């Protein structure tokens, strides 16, 4: 079974990485 908390953390990290690349 998939851990929703880990998915949420990964999604947040990805969003932050994209934001940093875009310079937001």
PDB file of N, CA and C in Angstrom:
ATOM      1  N   UNK A   1       0.841  -1.201   0.000  1.00  0.00           N
ATOM      2  CA  UNK A   1       0.000   0.000   0.000  1.00  0.00           C
ATOM      3  C   UNK A   1       0.879   1.255   0.000  1.00  0.00           C
ATOM      4  N   UNK A   2       0.368   2.301  -0.643  1.00  0.00           N
ATOM      5  CA  UNK A   2       1.163   3.521  -0.794  1.00  0.00           C
ATOM      6  C   UNK A   2       0.966   4.436   0.403  1.00  0.00           C
ATOM      7  N   UNK A   3       2.059   5.035   0.844  1.00  0.00           N
ATOM      8  CA  UNK A   3       1.988   5.944   2.004  1.00  0.00           C
ATOM      9  C   UNK A   3       1.653   7.358   1.533  1.00  0.00           C
ATOM     10  N   UNK A   4       0.463   7.814   1.892  1.00  0.00           N
ATOM     11  CA  UNK A   4       0.022   9.139   1.439  1.00  0.00           C
ATOM     12  C   UNK A   4       0.909  10.248   1.991  1.00  0.00           C
ATOM     13  N   UNK A   5       1.406  10.070   3.208  1.00  0.00           N
ATOM     14  CA  UNK A   5       2.241  11.110   3.806  1.00  0.00           C
ATOM     15  C   UNK A   5       3.533  11.269   3.002  1.00  0.00           C
ATOM     16  N   UNK A   6       4.131  10.148   2.590  1.00  0.00           N
ATOM     17  CA  UNK A   6       5.380  10.233   1.831  1.00  0.00           C
ATOM     18  C   UNK A   6       5.111  10.866   0.467  1.00  0.00           C
ATOM     19  N   UNK A   7       3.968  10.553  -0.119  1.00  0.00           N
ATOM     20  CA  UNK A   7       3.624  11.159  -1.410  1.00  0.00           C
ATOM     21  C   UNK A   7       3.481  12.661  -1.250  1.00  0.00           C
ATOM     22  N   UNK A   8       2.836  13.079  -0.168  1.00  0.00           N
ATOM     23  CA  UNK A   8       2.638  14.516   0.064  1.00  0.00           C
ATOM     24  C   UNK A   8       3.988  15.204   0.258  1.00  0.00           C
ATOM     25  N   UNK A   9       4.888  14.563   1.006  1.00  0.00           N
ATOM     26  CA  UNK A   9       6.220  15.148   1.227  1.00  0.00           C
ATOM     27  C   UNK A   9       6.964  15.248  -0.101  1.00  0.00           C
ATOM     28  N   UNK A  10       6.921  14.172  -0.901  1.00  0.00           N
ATOM     29  CA  UNK A  10       7.623  14.179  -2.182  1.00  0.00           C
ATOM     30  C   UNK A  10       7.063  15.260  -3.090  1.00  0.00           C
ATOM     31  N   UNK A  11       5.745  15.399  -3.111  1.00  0.00           N
ATOM     32  CA  UNK A  11       5.119  16.412  -3.955  1.00  0.00           C
ATOM     33  C   UNK A  11       5.559  17.807  -3.520  1.00  0.00           C
ATOM     34  N   UNK A  12       5.649  18.008  -2.210  1.00  0.00           N
ATOM     35  CA  UNK A  12       6.059  19.325  -1.707  1.00  0.00           C
ATOM     36  C   UNK A  12       7.512  19.607  -2.102  1.00  0.00           C
ATOM     37  N   UNK A  13       8.375  18.582  -1.997  1.00  0.00           N
ATOM     38  CA  UNK A  13       9.774  18.776  -2.361  1.00  0.00           C
ATOM     39  C   UNK A  13       9.897  19.093  -3.847  1.00  0.00           C
ATOM     40  N   UNK A  14       9.113  18.381  -4.672  1.00  0.00           N
ATOM     41  CA  UNK A  14       9.152  18.615  -6.111  1.00  0.00           C
ATOM     42  C   UNK A  14       8.688  20.030  -6.418  1.00  0.00           C
ATOM     43  N   UNK A  15       7.603  20.464  -5.754  1.00  0.00           N
ATOM     44  CA  UNK A  15       7.077  21.805  -5.983  1.00  0.00           C
ATOM     45  C   UNK A  15       8.115  22.856  -5.593  1.00  0.00           C
ATOM     46  N   UNK A  16       8.804  22.636  -4.493  1.00  0.00           N
ATOM     47  CA  UNK A  16       9.824  23.593  -4.052  1.00  0.00           C
ATOM     48  C   UNK A  16      10.987  23.619  -5.036  1.00  0.00           C
ATOM     49  N   UNK A  17      11.363  22.452  -5.549  1.00  0.00           N
ATOM     50  CA  UNK A  17      12.465  22.383  -6.506  1.00  0.00           C
ATOM     51  C   UNK A  17      12.102  23.140  -7.776  1.00  0.00           C
ATOM     52  N   UNK A  18      10.887  22.927  -8.269  1.00  0.00           N
ATOM     53  CA  UNK A  18      10.440  23.632  -9.474  1.00  0.00           C
ATOM     54  C   UNK A  18      10.415  25.133  -9.219  1.00  0.00           C
ATOM     55  N   UNK A  19       9.914  25.528  -8.057  1.00  0.00           N
ATOM     56  CA  UNK A  19       9.843  26.950  -7.726  1.00  0.00           C
ATOM     57  C   UNK A  19      11.247  27.564  -7.699  1.00  0.00           C
ATOM     58  N   UNK A  20      12.190  26.832  -7.149  1.00  0.00           N
ATOM     59  CA  UNK A  20      13.551  27.372  -7.066  1.00  0.00           C
ATOM     60  C   UNK A  20      14.167  27.490  -8.457  1.00  0.00           C
ATOM     61  N   UNK A  21      13.860  26.524  -9.317  1.00  0.00           N
ATOM     62  CA  UNK A  21      14.398  26.570 -10.686  1.00  0.00           C
ATOM     63  C   UNK A  21      13.794  27.742 -11.448  1.00  0.00           C
ATOM     64  N   UNK A  22      12.503  27.988 -11.213  1.00  0.00           N
ATOM     65  CA  UNK A  22      11.824  29.087 -11.910  1.00  0.00           C
ATOM     66  C   UNK A  22      12.170  30.437 -11.278  1.00  0.00           C
ATOM     67  N   UNK A  23      12.787  30.382 -10.107  1.00  0.00           N
ATOM     68  CA  UNK A  23      13.175  31.628  -9.455  1.00  0.00           C
ATOM     69  C   UNK A  23      12.017  32.303  -8.751  1.00  0.00           C
ATOM     70  N   UNK A  24      11.045  31.534  -8.365  1.00  0.00           N
ATOM     71  CA  UNK A  24       9.873  32.100  -7.675  1.00  0.00           C
ATOM     72  C   UNK A  24      10.186  32.233  -6.186  1.00  0.00           C
TER      73      UNK A  24
END
